[in-house]
Amino acid sequence: MWRTGTGRAVAVLVLVTLAALIPLLGPSAALRGTGEAEAPGAGGMGLLRTVLFAALCIPVGELFVNRLARSLPGPDSGPWGVPRSWSPLAATAGFLAALGLASVVATGNLVPDDLADIDAGGLYASRDGKLALLEVNAFLLAGLCSGSRRPATQVWPLAAVVVAEALRAHPTTEHSPLIGSGLTVVHLLCAALWAGGLLHALRVLRLRHARNGTAAGVALLGLYARVAVVLLAAITATGVCSSLRRMPPETILEQLTGTAYGRVLLAKVLLVATVAALALWARRRLRRAADPLTACAPARAEVVALGLVVAASGLLTVLPVPIRW
């Protein structure tokens, strides 16, 4: 038992380190040979944005799967049939990441060398500053809600984070920014439901298996799988539309290899394709295998791949936006 626990801890540590290296070291690798300039502190900002995205996925996934669990019959359908929430920890991580990003905005999008460089009051004077403050306060409120008697109320501050991220990604100088923001809201929300939901569904399955409730856990995973198909379709559609808005069809092939944004986007597409293949494998095992629990192996690999997708998404936010030729 000890060896198994230690092996899992080491595996988690390795995977977290790998996911952190993608946004931290990725800008230099992605920009090599493109002639594009790297923004100051891009690696650190990419890491903070990755932490923020992950902190959003965990509570959204928990709320989503817990609601699915309550729709299933049986004694394990109540709150006693789900594992301890990671939402308070996620909200803390999200708050710290949002605070770090806000400090960068407060210094004119430069990494502050000293606390005296941070003009906190100046955040109220710009659109980006107000959005950064909104995310800081939203994660703080989400943390308070997650520890209250009604943890479901954290859905509102989490929704505020999604909207703030969508507005931040599409400044008013962009062509049709509201359309871009709308696509990002759907894309980000569906991605959070998919990644966070699968992680929590596997945690629920493990808990119920330990309590001799395997059938209930498998039923929950099957219910999640049916919803995940819709989520994947929405993610794919919004992702394609957003990419075509930034890279017109006649230039997309060239920009996928000749720009940093295009290279990371291509890597993200390949990762999503891998995730989709793993998801299909897990669903087939869930429906056709003699032991449905064999679906857990590809599902766990799917969670790992989704973590890398989140890291790639964090890296995309700090790279130069492609030029519309």
Foldseek 3Di string as FASTA:
>chain_A
DVVVVVVVVVVVVVLVVVLLCCLQVVVVVLAPPQPDDFQAPRSVQLSLQLLLLLLLLQVLLVLLLLVLLCVDDDPLSHPVLFDDGCNLVSLVSNLVSLVLCLQCVQQVVHRDPDPVSGDLVCLVVDLLSVLSVLSNVLSVVLNVLCPDPHNVVNVVSSLSNLLSVLDVLQDPVADPSVVSSVLSSLLSSLLSNQLNNLVRLLRSCVSCVVVVNNVSSLVSVLVSLVVNVVSLVSNVVSVVVNLCSQEPPVCLVVCLRSFSLNVLVVVLVVLVVLLVVLSVVLNCLSPDPPDNCVSVVSSVVSSSSSSSSSSSVSNSSRGDGHDHD
